[in-house]
Amino acid sequence: MRIFWHIVLVAVAMGCTQKPDSRSQSAVHAVGEAGVLDEAKVLAIARQAVATNDTWVDQAEFETPKRQPVGSWGVLVWRLPKEPGGHRYISIDQKGRVTDYDRGL
């Protein structure tokens, strides 16, 4: 009887283990290969971030994105006309995710 319970325990333990999902691995791998960011892609991501978080994307001036030493990007965005506090600084990681959206003071 003890052997039966050992077999049941092993079967349950194997059924509860996580199996790698080939779809998610291939999607991450494809993003890693094709996801090299350039200035145009970074600007598009920054434009979408402003459109999502503010109402003045049509009045925005986007400065040239700056690549950081760690591989991330930073974009300074001004609401026109330029006034103190009317800017945003957007940080974007290597995978194209917005990691920080700072509002001007």
C-alpha atoms as a PDB file:
ATOM      1  CA  MET A   1       0.000   0.000   0.000  1.00  0.00           C
ATOM      2  CA  ARG A   2       2.899   2.321   0.729  1.00  0.00           C
ATOM      3  CA  ILE A   3       4.193   1.946  -2.845  1.00  0.00           C
ATOM      4  CA  PHE A   4       0.760   2.894  -4.173  1.00  0.00           C
ATOM      5  CA  TRP A   5       0.816   6.183  -2.231  1.00  0.00           C
ATOM      6  CA  HIS A   6       4.358   6.930  -3.433  1.00  0.00           C
ATOM      7  CA  ILE A   7       3.211   6.470  -7.025  1.00  0.00           C
ATOM      8  CA  VAL A   8       0.186   8.700  -6.431  1.00  0.00           C
ATOM      9  CA  LEU A   9       2.395  11.361  -4.804  1.00  0.00           C
ATOM     10  CA  VAL A  10       4.862  11.327  -7.710  1.00  0.00           C
ATOM     11  CA  ALA A  11       2.022  11.514 -10.251  1.00  0.00           C
ATOM     12  CA  VAL A  12       0.466  14.509  -8.476  1.00  0.00           C
ATOM     13  CA  ALA A  13       3.837  16.242  -8.152  1.00  0.00           C
ATOM     14  CA  MET A  14       4.573  15.779 -11.859  1.00  0.00           C
ATOM     15  CA  GLY A  15       1.115  17.016 -12.789  1.00  0.00           C
ATOM     16  CA  CYS A  16       1.636  20.200 -10.772  1.00  0.00           C
ATOM     17  CA  THR A  17       4.984  21.151 -12.297  1.00  0.00           C
ATOM     18  CA  GLN A  18       5.032  24.023 -14.759  1.00  0.00           C
ATOM     19  CA  LYS A  19       5.668  23.087 -18.328  1.00  0.00           C
ATOM     20  CA  PRO A  20       7.416  25.549 -20.631  1.00  0.00           C
ATOM     21  CA  ASP A  21       5.028  27.133 -23.104  1.00  0.00           C
ATOM     22  CA  SER A  22       6.618  27.026 -26.542  1.00  0.00           C
ATOM     23  CA  ARG A  23       4.367  29.844 -27.797  1.00  0.00           C
ATOM     24  CA  SER A  24       5.490  32.342 -25.151  1.00  0.00           C
ATOM     25  CA  GLN A  25       9.150  31.428 -25.573  1.00  0.00           C
ATOM     26  CA  SER A  26       9.021  31.932 -29.323  1.00  0.00           C
ATOM     27  CA  ALA A  27       7.173  35.234 -28.920  1.00  0.00           C
ATOM     28  CA  VAL A  28       9.766  36.550 -26.468  1.00  0.00           C
ATOM     29  CA  HIS A  29      12.545  35.292 -28.729  1.00  0.00           C
ATOM     30  CA  ALA A  30      10.998  36.997 -31.760  1.00  0.00           C
ATOM     31  CA  VAL A  31      10.615  40.282 -29.872  1.00  0.00           C
ATOM     32  CA  GLY A  32      14.237  40.015 -28.772  1.00  0.00           C
ATOM     33  CA  GLU A  33      15.446  39.631 -32.346  1.00  0.00           C
ATOM     34  CA  ALA A  34      13.110  42.048 -34.099  1.00  0.00           C
ATOM     35  CA  GLY A  35      12.716  44.394 -31.127  1.00  0.00           C
ATOM     36  CA  VAL A  36      15.859  46.448 -31.690  1.00  0.00           C
ATOM     37  CA  LEU A  37      14.784  49.980 -30.960  1.00  0.00           C
ATOM     38  CA  ASP A  38      15.787  52.917 -33.102  1.00  0.00           C
ATOM     39  CA  GLU A  39      14.850  56.590 -32.746  1.00  0.00           C
ATOM     40  CA  ALA A  40      11.707  56.232 -34.868  1.00  0.00           C
ATOM     41  CA  LYS A  41      10.342  53.360 -32.756  1.00  0.00           C
ATOM     42  CA  VAL A  42      11.212  55.176 -29.530  1.00  0.00           C
ATOM     43  CA  LEU A  43       9.407  58.312 -30.727  1.00  0.00           C
ATOM     44  CA  ALA A  44       6.328  56.255 -31.634  1.00  0.00           C
ATOM     45  CA  ILE A  45       6.311  54.686 -28.161  1.00  0.00           C
ATOM     46  CA  ALA A  46       6.732  58.108 -26.533  1.00  0.00           C
ATOM     47  CA  ARG A  47       3.914  59.553 -28.661  1.00  0.00           C
ATOM     48  CA  GLN A  48       1.621  56.715 -27.542  1.00  0.00           C
ATOM     49  CA  ALA A  49       2.596  57.310 -23.900  1.00  0.00           C
ATOM     50  CA  VAL A  50       1.684  61.009 -24.152  1.00  0.00           C
ATOM     51  CA  ALA A  51      -1.589  60.165 -25.898  1.00  0.00           C
ATOM     52  CA  THR A  52      -2.416  57.721 -23.105  1.00  0.00           C
ATOM     53  CA  ASN A  53      -1.448  59.950 -20.166  1.00  0.00           C
ATOM     54  CA  ASP A  54      -2.249  63.477 -21.384  1.00  0.00           C
ATOM     55  CA  THR A  55      -4.692  65.253 -23.681  1.00  0.00           C
ATOM     56  CA  TRP A  56      -2.244  67.408 -25.631  1.00  0.00           C
ATOM     57  CA  VAL A  57      -0.372  65.007 -27.911  1.00  0.00           C
ATOM     58  CA  ASP A  58      -1.324  67.188 -30.902  1.00  0.00           C
ATOM     59  CA  GLN A  59       0.422  70.146 -29.207  1.00  0.00           C
ATOM     60  CA  ALA A  60       3.559  68.188 -28.287  1.00  0.00           C
ATOM     61  CA  GLU A  61       7.116  68.718 -29.439  1.00  0.00           C
ATOM     62  CA  PHE A  62       9.321  65.634 -29.112  1.00  0.00           C
ATOM     63  CA  GLU A  63      13.049  66.137 -28.709  1.00  0.00           C
ATOM     64  CA  THR A  64      15.523  63.663 -30.188  1.00  0.00           C
ATOM     65  CA  PRO A  65      15.579  60.474 -28.070  1.00  0.00           C
ATOM     66  CA  LYS A  66      18.739  59.923 -26.049  1.00  0.00           C
ATOM     67  CA  ARG A  67      20.131  56.418 -25.668  1.00  0.00           C
ATOM     68  CA  GLN A  68      21.344  55.700 -22.142  1.00  0.00           C
ATOM     69  CA  PRO A  69      24.509  53.643 -21.419  1.00  0.00           C
ATOM     70  CA  VAL A  70      22.418  50.778 -20.004  1.00  0.00           C
ATOM     71  CA  GLY A  71      20.509  50.444 -23.303  1.00  0.00           C
ATOM     72  CA  SER A  72      17.336  52.279 -22.338  1.00  0.00           C
ATOM     73  CA  TRP A  73      16.084  55.469 -23.988  1.00  0.00           C
ATOM     74  CA  GLY A  74      14.896  58.838 -22.720  1.00  0.00           C
ATOM     75  CA  VAL A  75      12.640  61.308 -24.538  1.00  0.00           C
ATOM     76  CA  LEU A  76      11.891  64.873 -23.455  1.00  0.00           C
ATOM     77  CA  VAL A  77       8.456  66.057 -24.597  1.00  0.00           C
ATOM     78  CA  TRP A  78       7.260  69.662 -24.431  1.00  0.00           C
ATOM     79  CA  ARG A  79       3.684  70.917 -24.531  1.00  0.00           C
ATOM     80  CA  LEU A  80       3.595  73.962 -26.794  1.00  0.00           C
ATOM     81  CA  PRO A  81       3.904  76.771 -26.044  1.00  0.00           C
ATOM     82  CA  LYS A  82       6.867  75.862 -23.837  1.00  0.00           C
ATOM     83  CA  GLU A  83       6.216  76.887 -20.247  1.00  0.00           C
ATOM     84  CA  PRO A  84       7.710  75.849 -16.923  1.00  0.00           C
ATOM     85  CA  GLY A  85       6.209  72.532 -15.914  1.00  0.00           C
ATOM     86  CA  GLY A  86       4.829  71.818 -19.369  1.00  0.00           C
ATOM     87  CA  HIS A  87       7.173  68.949 -20.158  1.00  0.00           C
ATOM     88  CA  ARG A  88       7.336  65.207 -19.698  1.00  0.00           C
ATOM     89  CA  TYR A  89      10.347  62.916 -19.509  1.00  0.00           C
ATOM     90  CA  ILE A  90       9.655  59.398 -20.729  1.00  0.00           C
ATOM     91  CA  SER A  91      12.003  56.482 -20.041  1.00  0.00           C
ATOM     92  CA  ILE A  92      11.753  53.427 -22.295  1.00  0.00           C
ATOM     93  CA  ASP A  93      13.606  50.155 -21.716  1.00  0.00           C
ATOM     94  CA  GLN A  94      15.333  47.972 -24.329  1.00  0.00           C
ATOM     95  CA  LYS A  95      12.128  46.000 -24.899  1.00  0.00           C
ATOM     96  CA  GLY A  96      10.111  49.107 -25.726  1.00  0.00           C
ATOM     97  CA  ARG A  97       8.239  49.339 -22.422  1.00  0.00           C
ATOM     98  CA  VAL A  98       7.639  52.713 -20.794  1.00  0.00           C
ATOM     99  CA  THR A  99       9.331  52.458 -17.416  1.00  0.00           C
ATOM    100  CA  ASP A 100       8.865  56.044 -16.231  1.00  0.00           C
ATOM    101  CA  TYR A 101       6.612  58.942 -17.148  1.00  0.00           C
ATOM    102  CA  ASP A 102       7.719  62.056 -15.266  1.00  0.00           C
ATOM    103  CA  ARG A 103       5.606  65.193 -15.321  1.00  0.00           C
ATOM    104  CA  GLY A 104       7.193  68.624 -15.168  1.00  0.00           C
ATOM    105  CA  LEU A 105       6.954  70.647 -11.973  1.00  0.00           C
END
